[in-house]
Amino acid sequence: MIISTTNQLEGYKIDEYLGIVSGETIIGANVFKDFFASITDIVGGRSGSYERVLREAKATAMAEMEIQARTFGANAIVGIDLDYETIRDGMLMVTASGTAVKTTKL
């Protein structure tokens, strides 16, 4: 499956727009990650534990979106948008959305 943030795919023709697809995930960061992240915030640097959680959440949301697109009969998703939001007590929500399409190679 071709996945792109652009609305067109170079070398492909979009034959049919099948609809909006999305995937969501909510992941909680545990107390130890919060503690070590706060130390990183004080002394500077990157928080590897939070970066891993973000990557995991993004991968899960993208996978759910792709599964939904396949059920529509799509072979590509265009116009993908990723949204990150923190919600209550260290919970992290990641949403991936895009348009499922059928394409053919030019």
C-alpha atoms as a PDB file:
ATOM      1  CA  MET A   1       0.000   0.000   0.000  1.00  0.00           C
ATOM      2  CA  ILE A   2       1.261   3.457  -0.915  1.00  0.00           C
ATOM      3  CA  ILE A   3       0.949   5.938   1.948  1.00  0.00           C
ATOM      4  CA  SER A   4       1.587   9.638   1.376  1.00  0.00           C
ATOM      5  CA  THR A   5       1.020  13.033   2.937  1.00  0.00           C
ATOM      6  CA  THR A   6       0.623  14.507  -0.559  1.00  0.00           C
ATOM      7  CA  ASN A   7      -2.680  14.654  -2.418  1.00  0.00           C
ATOM      8  CA  GLN A   8      -1.224  13.242  -5.657  1.00  0.00           C
ATOM      9  CA  LEU A   9       1.164  10.350  -6.264  1.00  0.00           C
ATOM     10  CA  GLU A  10       3.895  10.876  -8.825  1.00  0.00           C
ATOM     11  CA  GLY A  11       3.744   8.172 -11.472  1.00  0.00           C
ATOM     12  CA  TYR A  12       0.217   7.095 -10.486  1.00  0.00           C
ATOM     13  CA  LYS A  13      -3.279   8.060 -11.517  1.00  0.00           C
ATOM     14  CA  ILE A  14      -5.968   8.183  -8.844  1.00  0.00           C
ATOM     15  CA  ASP A  15      -8.902   6.284 -10.316  1.00  0.00           C
ATOM     16  CA  GLU A  16     -11.319   6.405  -7.403  1.00  0.00           C
ATOM     17  CA  TYR A  17     -11.656   8.176  -4.061  1.00  0.00           C
ATOM     18  CA  LEU A  18     -13.071   5.679  -1.570  1.00  0.00           C
ATOM     19  CA  GLY A  19     -13.452   7.806   1.541  1.00  0.00           C
ATOM     20  CA  ILE A  20     -11.778   9.092   4.650  1.00  0.00           C
ATOM     21  CA  VAL A  21      -9.919   6.573   6.794  1.00  0.00           C
ATOM     22  CA  SER A  22      -8.424   7.032  10.232  1.00  0.00           C
ATOM     23  CA  GLY A  23      -6.631   5.265  13.017  1.00  0.00           C
ATOM     24  CA  GLU A  24      -6.410   6.342  16.620  1.00  0.00           C
ATOM     25  CA  THR A  25      -4.420   5.226  19.612  1.00  0.00           C
ATOM     26  CA  ILE A  26      -4.155   6.365  23.198  1.00  0.00           C
ATOM     27  CA  ILE A  27      -1.071   5.409  25.160  1.00  0.00           C
ATOM     28  CA  GLY A  28      -0.271   6.185  28.765  1.00  0.00           C
ATOM     29  CA  ALA A  29       3.232   7.054  29.872  1.00  0.00           C
ATOM     30  CA  ASN A  30       4.080   5.430  33.188  1.00  0.00           C
ATOM     31  CA  VAL A  31       5.384   7.154  36.319  1.00  0.00           C
ATOM     32  CA  PHE A  32       9.016   6.146  35.768  1.00  0.00           C
ATOM     33  CA  LYS A  33       9.067   7.559  32.251  1.00  0.00           C
ATOM     34  CA  ASP A  34       7.515  10.778  33.596  1.00  0.00           C
ATOM     35  CA  PHE A  35      10.168  10.989  36.324  1.00  0.00           C
ATOM     36  CA  PHE A  36      13.108  10.500  33.965  1.00  0.00           C
ATOM     37  CA  ALA A  37      11.589  12.842  31.389  1.00  0.00           C
ATOM     38  CA  SER A  38      11.343  15.554  34.047  1.00  0.00           C
ATOM     39  CA  ILE A  39      15.061  15.098  34.803  1.00  0.00           C
ATOM     40  CA  THR A  40      15.808  15.426  31.089  1.00  0.00           C
ATOM     41  CA  ASP A  41      13.702  18.602  31.000  1.00  0.00           C
ATOM     42  CA  ILE A  42      15.790  20.083  33.832  1.00  0.00           C
ATOM     43  CA  VAL A  43      19.249  19.190  32.501  1.00  0.00           C
ATOM     44  CA  GLY A  44      18.362  19.398  28.815  1.00  0.00           C
ATOM     45  CA  GLY A  45      18.468  16.814  26.079  1.00  0.00           C
ATOM     46  CA  ARG A  46      16.009  14.447  24.497  1.00  0.00           C
ATOM     47  CA  SER A  47      13.634  12.139  26.275  1.00  0.00           C
ATOM     48  CA  GLY A  48      14.217   8.764  24.645  1.00  0.00           C
ATOM     49  CA  SER A  49      11.417   7.065  26.562  1.00  0.00           C
ATOM     50  CA  TYR A  50       8.802   9.555  25.341  1.00  0.00           C
ATOM     51  CA  GLU A  51      10.180   9.410  21.814  1.00  0.00           C
ATOM     52  CA  ARG A  52       9.730   5.634  21.813  1.00  0.00           C
ATOM     53  CA  VAL A  53       6.154   5.978  23.089  1.00  0.00           C
ATOM     54  CA  LEU A  54       5.406   8.538  20.360  1.00  0.00           C
ATOM     55  CA  ARG A  55       6.832   6.288  17.639  1.00  0.00           C
ATOM     56  CA  GLU A  56       4.819   3.332  18.952  1.00  0.00           C
ATOM     57  CA  ALA A  57       1.606   5.370  19.057  1.00  0.00           C
ATOM     58  CA  LYS A  58       2.187   6.691  15.523  1.00  0.00           C
ATOM     59  CA  ALA A  59       2.877   3.200  14.159  1.00  0.00           C
ATOM     60  CA  THR A  60      -0.298   1.839  15.768  1.00  0.00           C
ATOM     61  CA  ALA A  61      -2.482   4.670  14.429  1.00  0.00           C
ATOM     62  CA  MET A  62      -0.994   4.308  10.927  1.00  0.00           C
ATOM     63  CA  ALA A  63      -1.523   0.519  10.966  1.00  0.00           C
ATOM     64  CA  GLU A  64      -5.187   0.925  11.984  1.00  0.00           C
ATOM     65  CA  MET A  65      -5.707   3.479   9.208  1.00  0.00           C
ATOM     66  CA  GLU A  66      -4.142   1.114   6.651  1.00  0.00           C
ATOM     67  CA  ILE A  67      -6.356  -1.781   7.788  1.00  0.00           C
ATOM     68  CA  GLN A  68      -9.438   0.397   7.344  1.00  0.00           C
ATOM     69  CA  ALA A  69      -8.275   1.476   3.857  1.00  0.00           C
ATOM     70  CA  ARG A  70      -7.787  -2.154   2.818  1.00  0.00           C
ATOM     71  CA  THR A  71     -11.376  -2.936   3.847  1.00  0.00           C
ATOM     72  CA  PHE A  72     -12.461  -0.172   1.441  1.00  0.00           C
ATOM     73  CA  GLY A  73     -10.497  -1.902  -1.338  1.00  0.00           C
ATOM     74  CA  ALA A  74      -7.851   0.833  -1.507  1.00  0.00           C
ATOM     75  CA  ASN A  75      -4.284   0.381  -2.664  1.00  0.00           C
ATOM     76  CA  ALA A  76      -3.137   3.805  -1.449  1.00  0.00           C
ATOM     77  CA  ILE A  77      -3.859   6.504   1.118  1.00  0.00           C
ATOM     78  CA  VAL A  78      -3.236  10.152   0.245  1.00  0.00           C
ATOM     79  CA  GLY A  79      -3.376  13.399   2.184  1.00  0.00           C
ATOM     80  CA  ILE A  80      -2.325  11.799   5.451  1.00  0.00           C
ATOM     81  CA  ASP A  81      -2.384  14.028   8.524  1.00  0.00           C
ATOM     82  CA  LEU A  82      -0.981  13.077  11.926  1.00  0.00           C
ATOM     83  CA  ASP A  83      -2.271  14.762  15.068  1.00  0.00           C
ATOM     84  CA  TYR A  84      -0.719  14.444  18.520  1.00  0.00           C
ATOM     85  CA  GLU A  85      -2.509  15.489  21.681  1.00  0.00           C
ATOM     86  CA  THR A  86      -1.959  15.023  25.376  1.00  0.00           C
ATOM     87  CA  ILE A  87      -4.986  14.232  27.419  1.00  0.00           C
ATOM     88  CA  ARG A  88      -5.413  13.865  31.148  1.00  0.00           C
ATOM     89  CA  ASP A  89      -2.640  12.571  33.399  1.00  0.00           C
ATOM     90  CA  GLY A  90       0.042  11.836  30.845  1.00  0.00           C
ATOM     91  CA  MET A  91      -2.117  10.047  28.306  1.00  0.00           C
ATOM     92  CA  LEU A  92      -1.065  10.590  24.716  1.00  0.00           C
ATOM     93  CA  MET A  93      -3.458  10.397  21.755  1.00  0.00           C
ATOM     94  CA  VAL A  94      -2.251  10.039  18.181  1.00  0.00           C
ATOM     95  CA  THR A  95      -4.648  10.198  15.242  1.00  0.00           C
ATOM     96  CA  ALA A  96      -3.757   9.414  11.632  1.00  0.00           C
ATOM     97  CA  SER A  97      -6.252  10.264   8.895  1.00  0.00           C
ATOM     98  CA  GLY A  98      -6.232  10.362   5.120  1.00  0.00           C
ATOM     99  CA  THR A  99      -8.178   9.519   1.983  1.00  0.00           C
ATOM    100  CA  ALA A 100      -8.323   5.930   0.754  1.00  0.00           C
ATOM    101  CA  VAL A 101      -7.927   5.701  -3.018  1.00  0.00           C
ATOM    102  CA  LYS A 102      -7.546   3.230  -5.869  1.00  0.00           C
ATOM    103  CA  THR A 103      -4.631   3.995  -8.145  1.00  0.00           C
ATOM    104  CA  THR A 104      -3.012   2.691 -11.288  1.00  0.00           C
ATOM    105  CA  LYS A 105       0.581   3.150 -12.368  1.00  0.00           C
ATOM    106  CA  LEU A 106       1.070   5.469 -15.342  1.00  0.00           C
END
